[in-house]
Amino acid sequence: MPRWMYLINPEAGDNKHEIARESEKENHGTIGKYLFFSDDKGKLIDLGKKIMSKYELYIAKVPLTKLPKPIPGKGFVICLYDTSPKLVDELEKYADNEKIMYGHWKTDADTIANHI
């Protein structure tokens, strides 16, 4: 059973090709994700679409579940994929620390190794 809903930006040609190349490498090469958290999944999806369009990012995902995790402010997550943390400081401005919290950059290698 699928656990994630994927958002795709068909306008992000270069990022799409970079992601495809890196995903073929061990531990997904340099791929990682910017993480945002909220108890409102709709707000995360709207934010994800906005960021993907503005920064020409190709793919993001949110959990399919309708029930948030029981962690206040972190009920849902959106993962916005990129091939480097080049936007890590830029994206911080999208968090309001009330409805949407900015997590951090996490590499796929860390995810695969089960690092926090």
C-alpha atoms as a PDB file:
ATOM      1  CA  MET A   1       0.000   0.000   0.000  1.00  0.00           C
ATOM      2  CA  PRO A   2       1.449   3.426  -0.932  1.00  0.00           C
ATOM      3  CA  ARG A   3       2.421   5.670   1.952  1.00  0.00           C
ATOM      4  CA  TRP A   4       3.182   8.870   0.008  1.00  0.00           C
ATOM      5  CA  MET A   5       1.508  11.257  -2.384  1.00  0.00           C
ATOM      6  CA  TYR A   6       3.979  12.756  -4.843  1.00  0.00           C
ATOM      7  CA  LEU A   7       3.833  16.269  -6.248  1.00  0.00           C
ATOM      8  CA  ILE A   8       5.488  16.739  -9.630  1.00  0.00           C
ATOM      9  CA  ASN A   9       6.537  20.017 -11.275  1.00  0.00           C
ATOM     10  CA  PRO A  10       6.678  19.365 -15.035  1.00  0.00           C
ATOM     11  CA  GLU A  11       8.404  22.745 -15.546  1.00  0.00           C
ATOM     12  CA  ALA A  12      11.545  21.670 -13.632  1.00  0.00           C
ATOM     13  CA  GLY A  13      13.491  20.089 -16.481  1.00  0.00           C
ATOM     14  CA  ASP A  14      17.054  20.577 -15.221  1.00  0.00           C
ATOM     15  CA  ASN A  15      16.231  19.508 -11.677  1.00  0.00           C
ATOM     16  CA  LYS A  16      14.359  16.466 -13.018  1.00  0.00           C
ATOM     17  CA  HIS A  17      17.429  15.333 -14.947  1.00  0.00           C
ATOM     18  CA  GLU A  18      19.780  16.025 -12.013  1.00  0.00           C
ATOM     19  CA  ILE A  19      17.537  13.991  -9.681  1.00  0.00           C
ATOM     20  CA  ALA A  20      17.408  11.131 -12.208  1.00  0.00           C
ATOM     21  CA  ARG A  21      21.224  11.048 -12.571  1.00  0.00           C
ATOM     22  CA  GLU A  22      21.871  11.158  -8.823  1.00  0.00           C
ATOM     23  CA  SER A  23      19.221   8.537  -8.029  1.00  0.00           C
ATOM     24  CA  GLU A  24      21.242   5.995 -10.033  1.00  0.00           C
ATOM     25  CA  LYS A  25      24.235   6.427  -7.713  1.00  0.00           C
ATOM     26  CA  GLU A  26      24.864   4.574  -4.466  1.00  0.00           C
ATOM     27  CA  ASN A  27      22.730   5.981  -1.638  1.00  0.00           C
ATOM     28  CA  HIS A  28      21.085   8.246  -4.233  1.00  0.00           C
ATOM     29  CA  GLY A  29      24.231  10.330  -4.704  1.00  0.00           C
ATOM     30  CA  THR A  30      23.750  13.908  -3.520  1.00  0.00           C
ATOM     31  CA  ILE A  31      19.938  13.830  -3.380  1.00  0.00           C
ATOM     32  CA  GLY A  32      18.336  15.122  -0.230  1.00  0.00           C
ATOM     33  CA  LYS A  33      15.235  16.917   0.909  1.00  0.00           C
ATOM     34  CA  TYR A  34      14.130  20.115   2.586  1.00  0.00           C
ATOM     35  CA  LEU A  35      11.619  19.287   5.315  1.00  0.00           C
ATOM     36  CA  PHE A  36       8.645  21.367   6.422  1.00  0.00           C
ATOM     37  CA  PHE A  37       6.196  20.338   9.144  1.00  0.00           C
ATOM     38  CA  SER A  38       2.639  21.369   9.982  1.00  0.00           C
ATOM     39  CA  ASP A  39      -0.566  20.027  11.468  1.00  0.00           C
ATOM     40  CA  ASP A  40      -2.306  21.282   8.295  1.00  0.00           C
ATOM     41  CA  LYS A  41      -1.426  19.033   5.355  1.00  0.00           C
ATOM     42  CA  GLY A  42      -3.222  21.356   2.916  1.00  0.00           C
ATOM     43  CA  LYS A  43      -0.948  24.250   3.873  1.00  0.00           C
ATOM     44  CA  LEU A  44       2.098  22.039   3.311  1.00  0.00           C
ATOM     45  CA  ILE A  45       0.873  21.015  -0.129  1.00  0.00           C
ATOM     46  CA  ASP A  46       0.205  24.642  -1.085  1.00  0.00           C
ATOM     47  CA  LEU A  47       3.644  25.653   0.194  1.00  0.00           C
ATOM     48  CA  GLY A  48       5.289  22.769  -1.643  1.00  0.00           C
ATOM     49  CA  LYS A  49       3.696  23.762  -4.945  1.00  0.00           C
ATOM     50  CA  LYS A  50       4.769  27.382  -4.446  1.00  0.00           C
ATOM     51  CA  ILE A  51       8.383  26.472  -3.636  1.00  0.00           C
ATOM     52  CA  MET A  52       8.598  23.895  -6.430  1.00  0.00           C
ATOM     53  CA  SER A  53       7.406  26.456  -8.959  1.00  0.00           C
ATOM     54  CA  LYS A  54       9.576  29.329  -7.732  1.00  0.00           C
ATOM     55  CA  TYR A  55      12.812  27.318  -7.416  1.00  0.00           C
ATOM     56  CA  GLU A  56      12.122  24.865 -10.257  1.00  0.00           C
ATOM     57  CA  LEU A  57      12.252  21.788  -8.041  1.00  0.00           C
ATOM     58  CA  TYR A  58      10.918  18.642  -9.654  1.00  0.00           C
ATOM     59  CA  ILE A  59       9.457  16.406  -6.951  1.00  0.00           C
ATOM     60  CA  ALA A  60       8.055  16.475  -3.419  1.00  0.00           C
ATOM     61  CA  LYS A  61       6.063  14.101  -1.258  1.00  0.00           C
ATOM     62  CA  VAL A  62       3.576  14.212   1.618  1.00  0.00           C
ATOM     63  CA  PRO A  63       2.135  11.297   3.568  1.00  0.00           C
ATOM     64  CA  LEU A  64      -1.152   9.861   2.301  1.00  0.00           C
ATOM     65  CA  THR A  65      -2.561   9.514   5.801  1.00  0.00           C
ATOM     66  CA  LYS A  66      -5.353  11.853   6.860  1.00  0.00           C
ATOM     67  CA  LEU A  67      -4.428  11.592  10.523  1.00  0.00           C
ATOM     68  CA  PRO A  68      -1.545  13.740  11.756  1.00  0.00           C
ATOM     69  CA  LYS A  69       1.154  12.320  13.979  1.00  0.00           C
ATOM     70  CA  PRO A  70       0.523  13.212  17.636  1.00  0.00           C
ATOM     71  CA  ILE A  71       3.430  15.666  17.770  1.00  0.00           C
ATOM     72  CA  PRO A  72       2.120  19.249  18.016  1.00  0.00           C
ATOM     73  CA  GLY A  73       3.210  21.280  15.002  1.00  0.00           C
ATOM     74  CA  LYS A  74       4.700  18.224  13.296  1.00  0.00           C
ATOM     75  CA  GLY A  75       1.608  16.238  12.367  1.00  0.00           C
ATOM     76  CA  PHE A  76       2.563  16.113   8.692  1.00  0.00           C
ATOM     77  CA  VAL A  77       5.760  16.568   6.704  1.00  0.00           C
ATOM     78  CA  ILE A  78       6.498  17.623   3.153  1.00  0.00           C
ATOM     79  CA  CYS A  79       9.792  16.582   1.601  1.00  0.00           C
ATOM     80  CA  LEU A  80      11.026  18.791  -1.253  1.00  0.00           C
ATOM     81  CA  TYR A  81      13.791  17.027  -3.159  1.00  0.00           C
ATOM     82  CA  ASP A  82      16.934  18.605  -4.582  1.00  0.00           C
ATOM     83  CA  THR A  83      20.466  17.522  -5.436  1.00  0.00           C
ATOM     84  CA  SER A  84      22.193  19.780  -2.910  1.00  0.00           C
ATOM     85  CA  PRO A  85      21.274  21.968   0.060  1.00  0.00           C
ATOM     86  CA  LYS A  86      21.790  25.135  -2.009  1.00  0.00           C
ATOM     87  CA  LEU A  87      18.418  26.577  -0.868  1.00  0.00           C
ATOM     88  CA  VAL A  88      18.681  25.621   2.806  1.00  0.00           C
ATOM     89  CA  ASP A  89      18.918  29.226   4.046  1.00  0.00           C
ATOM     90  CA  GLU A  90      16.575  30.653   1.404  1.00  0.00           C
ATOM     91  CA  LEU A  91      13.732  28.290   2.271  1.00  0.00           C
ATOM     92  CA  GLU A  92      13.841  29.139   5.963  1.00  0.00           C
ATOM     93  CA  LYS A  93      11.796  32.273   5.220  1.00  0.00           C
ATOM     94  CA  TYR A  94       8.764  30.125   4.342  1.00  0.00           C
ATOM     95  CA  ALA A  95       8.298  28.963   7.924  1.00  0.00           C
ATOM     96  CA  ASP A  96       6.189  31.007  10.278  1.00  0.00           C
ATOM     97  CA  ASN A  97       6.960  28.795  13.300  1.00  0.00           C
ATOM     98  CA  GLU A  98       3.248  28.760  14.164  1.00  0.00           C
ATOM     99  CA  LYS A  99       1.473  26.914  11.358  1.00  0.00           C
ATOM    100  CA  ILE A 100       4.508  25.805   9.333  1.00  0.00           C
ATOM    101  CA  MET A 101       7.890  24.849  10.771  1.00  0.00           C
ATOM    102  CA  TYR A 102      11.049  24.430   8.743  1.00  0.00           C
ATOM    103  CA  GLY A 103      12.886  21.273   9.630  1.00  0.00           C
ATOM    104  CA  HIS A 104      16.190  21.078   7.869  1.00  0.00           C
ATOM    105  CA  TRP A 105      18.011  19.479   4.942  1.00  0.00           C
ATOM    106  CA  LYS A 106      18.392  15.723   5.114  1.00  0.00           C
ATOM    107  CA  THR A 107      20.298  13.643   2.592  1.00  0.00           C
ATOM    108  CA  ASP A 108      18.875  10.443   1.174  1.00  0.00           C
ATOM    109  CA  ALA A 109      22.065   8.735   2.375  1.00  0.00           C
ATOM    110  CA  ASP A 110      21.130   9.716   5.954  1.00  0.00           C
ATOM    111  CA  THR A 111      17.575   8.499   5.395  1.00  0.00           C
ATOM    112  CA  ILE A 112      18.796   5.174   4.011  1.00  0.00           C
ATOM    113  CA  ALA A 113      21.179   4.820   6.984  1.00  0.00           C
ATOM    114  CA  ASN A 114      18.263   5.700   9.315  1.00  0.00           C
ATOM    115  CA  HIS A 115      19.980   8.817  10.703  1.00  0.00           C
ATOM    116  CA  ILE A 116      17.828  11.544  12.140  1.00  0.00           C
END
